[in-house]
């Protein structure tokens, strides 16, 4: 699975307006609606927020990866939003979040969904890519970075779950 197969320029917001977790989630979910990926935004957003109640997907270092599977999702997709001012995502390190990758998947796609979460996490582990995405000036530049990453790390990740968290192995 390549990350570039799950997203494109239509799924990218270069300057999120929302400053709270709920507003950012709503804003990114709207991208899925506009691009005919989800049929019921309210159901999807509710599921994302329920996941956030368990533990914030604000994983630290300015990154959040909110995600959910829903019957209203037509296909596995990833949306990206960057906040220049930062979002209070109740992140694990209690710092603002600037890079948010939201993952939407149909309910029946468990393994590909977990692989997508692992792929995004691996993408964001690279300090070079993270800094480049912060400096990117357009959705096209973001997608160039995604394609560069896919060229270096094209393989799928083996996914394990430990204590409800995705653990990826190369």
Protein backbone atom coordinates (compact mmCIF):
# COMPACT_ATOMS: atom_id res chain seq x y z
CA UNK A 1 0.00 0.00 0.00
CA UNK A 2 1.36 3.39 -0.97
CA UNK A 3 0.35 6.49 0.95
CA UNK A 4 -0.10 8.34 -2.35
CA UNK A 5 -2.86 5.85 -3.25
CA UNK A 6 -4.85 6.98 -0.22
CA UNK A 7 -4.63 10.74 -0.64
CA UNK A 8 -4.20 13.48 -3.21
CA UNK A 9 -4.31 17.27 -3.38
CA UNK A 10 -8.10 17.33 -2.88
CA UNK A 11 -7.64 15.85 0.60
CA UNK A 12 -5.20 18.51 1.85
CA UNK A 13 -5.87 21.70 3.83
CA UNK A 14 -2.77 23.86 4.09
CA UNK A 15 -4.13 26.11 6.85
CA UNK A 16 -6.76 24.62 9.12
CA UNK A 17 -9.12 27.22 10.57
CA UNK A 18 -10.13 25.14 13.60
CA UNK A 19 -8.08 25.68 16.78
CA UNK A 20 -9.74 22.95 18.86
CA UNK A 21 -9.69 19.20 18.42
CA UNK A 22 -13.43 19.09 17.61
CA UNK A 23 -13.22 21.90 15.04
CA UNK A 24 -10.20 20.32 13.32
CA UNK A 25 -11.94 16.93 13.19
CA UNK A 26 -15.06 18.52 11.68
CA UNK A 27 -13.02 20.47 9.14
CA UNK A 28 -11.08 17.41 7.96
CA UNK A 29 -14.21 15.25 7.87
CA UNK A 30 -15.76 17.82 5.55
CA UNK A 31 -13.01 17.06 3.01
CA UNK A 32 -14.19 13.46 2.92
CA UNK A 33 -17.76 14.63 2.33
CA UNK A 34 -16.75 17.02 -0.47
CA UNK A 35 -14.78 14.25 -2.18
CA UNK A 36 -17.57 11.67 -1.90
CA UNK A 37 -15.65 9.45 0.54
CA UNK A 38 -18.17 9.44 3.37
CA UNK A 39 -21.95 9.54 3.22
CA UNK A 40 -22.76 10.45 6.83
CA UNK A 41 -20.38 13.05 8.26
CA UNK A 42 -22.07 13.10 11.67
CA UNK A 43 -21.70 9.34 12.13
CA UNK A 44 -18.05 9.43 11.09
CA UNK A 45 -17.22 12.42 13.30
CA UNK A 46 -18.96 10.75 16.26
CA UNK A 47 -16.81 7.64 15.78
CA UNK A 48 -13.61 9.69 15.54
CA UNK A 49 -14.53 11.56 18.72
CA UNK A 50 -15.33 8.30 20.52
CA UNK A 51 -11.86 7.07 19.58
CA UNK A 52 -10.42 10.31 20.95
CA UNK A 53 -12.21 9.74 24.28
CA UNK A 54 -10.28 6.49 24.72
CA UNK A 55 -6.95 8.23 24.21
CA UNK A 56 -5.92 11.23 22.18
CA UNK A 57 -4.47 10.47 18.77
CA UNK A 58 -2.31 13.54 19.33
CA UNK A 59 0.82 11.40 19.59
CA UNK A 60 3.20 14.23 20.45
CA UNK A 61 5.76 16.33 18.62
CA UNK A 62 3.01 18.36 16.94
CA UNK A 63 1.31 15.35 15.29
CA UNK A 64 -2.18 13.85 15.45
CA UNK A 65 -3.60 10.88 13.53
CA UNK A 66 -7.35 10.78 14.21
CA UNK A 67 -9.02 7.79 12.60
CA UNK A 68 -12.17 5.69 12.45
CA UNK A 69 -13.89 2.92 10.53
CA UNK A 70 -17.53 3.49 9.61
CA UNK A 71 -20.28 2.01 7.47
CA UNK A 72 -20.68 5.47 5.92
CA UNK A 73 -17.12 5.41 4.50
CA UNK A 74 -16.96 4.25 0.88
CA UNK A 75 -13.21 3.74 0.56
CA UNK A 76 -10.02 3.98 2.60
CA UNK A 77 -8.71 7.54 2.43
CA UNK A 78 -6.30 9.87 4.22
CA UNK A 79 -6.80 13.61 4.61
CA UNK A 80 -4.13 16.03 5.80
CA UNK A 81 -4.50 19.36 7.54
CA UNK A 82 -1.76 21.69 8.69
CA UNK A 83 -2.35 24.30 11.37
CA UNK A 84 -0.01 27.26 11.40
CA UNK A 85 -1.22 28.38 14.83
CA UNK A 86 -1.56 24.96 16.42
CA UNK A 87 -4.55 22.96 17.59
CA UNK A 88 -5.24 22.00 21.20
CA UNK A 89 -5.62 18.28 20.49
CA UNK A 90 -5.09 17.18 24.09
CA UNK A 91 -1.91 15.55 22.80
CA UNK A 92 0.04 13.10 24.92
CA UNK A 93 2.86 15.65 25.35
CA UNK A 94 0.31 18.43 26.06
CA UNK A 95 1.73 20.57 23.27
CA UNK A 96 -0.19 21.98 20.27
CA UNK A 97 -0.62 19.90 17.14
CA UNK A 98 0.36 21.30 13.74
CA UNK A 99 0.12 18.26 11.45
CA UNK A 100 -3.07 16.20 11.37
CA UNK A 101 -3.55 13.15 9.18
CA UNK A 102 -7.13 11.83 9.40
CA UNK A 103 -7.86 8.30 8.23
CA UNK A 104 -11.32 7.11 7.16
CA UNK A 105 -12.04 3.48 6.34
CA UNK A 106 -15.04 1.27 5.68
CA UNK A 107 -15.89 -0.93 8.66
CA UNK A 108 -14.87 -4.16 6.91
CA UNK A 109 -11.32 -2.96 6.09
CA UNK A 110 -9.52 -3.79 9.34
CA UNK A 111 -6.03 -4.79 8.16
CA UNK A 112 -5.62 -2.16 5.39
CA UNK A 113 -6.93 0.45 7.84
CA UNK A 114 -4.31 -0.50 10.43
CA UNK A 115 -1.64 -0.55 7.73
CA UNK A 116 -2.66 2.99 6.75
CA UNK A 117 -2.32 4.16 10.36
CA UNK A 118 1.12 2.54 10.54
CA UNK A 119 2.17 4.03 7.18
CA UNK A 120 1.21 7.57 8.26
CA UNK A 121 3.01 7.10 11.60
CA UNK A 122 6.13 5.93 9.75
CA UNK A 123 5.94 8.92 7.38
CA UNK A 124 5.83 11.28 10.36
CA UNK A 125 8.76 9.62 12.13
CA UNK A 126 11.11 11.23 9.62
CA UNK A 127 12.24 14.61 10.98
CA UNK A 128 13.26 15.65 7.47
CA UNK A 129 9.81 14.91 6.02
CA UNK A 130 8.08 16.48 9.01
CA UNK A 131 10.07 19.70 8.63
CA UNK A 132 9.49 19.72 4.87
CA UNK A 133 5.73 19.29 5.24
CA UNK A 134 5.65 22.17 7.74
CA UNK A 135 7.45 24.37 5.18
CA UNK A 136 5.42 23.19 2.15
CA UNK A 137 3.53 25.97 0.41
CA UNK A 138 0.96 23.95 -1.54
CA UNK A 139 -0.92 20.66 -1.63
CA UNK A 140 1.22 19.69 -4.62
CA UNK A 141 4.39 20.06 -2.52
CA UNK A 142 2.85 17.89 0.21
CA UNK A 143 2.05 15.20 -2.35
CA UNK A 144 5.59 15.41 -3.73
CA UNK A 145 6.82 14.60 -0.21
CA UNK A 146 4.37 11.70 0.05
CA UNK A 147 5.57 10.34 -3.30
CA UNK A 148 9.21 10.70 -2.20
CA UNK A 149 8.41 8.74 0.97
CA UNK A 150 6.61 6.04 -1.03
CA UNK A 151 9.67 5.74 -3.26
CA UNK A 152 11.87 5.04 -0.26
CA UNK A 153 9.41 3.00 1.84
CA UNK A 154 7.07 1.35 -0.69
CA UNK A 155 6.34 -1.87 1.16
CA UNK A 156 3.39 -2.56 3.40
CA UNK A 157 3.94 -2.76 7.11
CA UNK A 158 3.16 -5.75 9.24
CA UNK A 159 0.76 -4.51 11.86
CA UNK A 160 0.31 -5.68 15.43
CA UNK A 161 -1.96 -4.35 18.14
CA UNK A 162 -0.66 -3.94 21.68
CA UNK A 163 -2.88 -2.52 24.40
CA UNK A 164 -5.18 -1.05 21.75
CA UNK A 165 -2.35 0.70 19.89
CA UNK A 166 -0.99 0.03 16.44
CA UNK A 167 2.57 -1.26 16.53
CA UNK A 168 4.26 -1.37 13.14
CA UNK A 169 7.23 -3.45 12.09
CA UNK A 170 9.25 -2.91 8.98
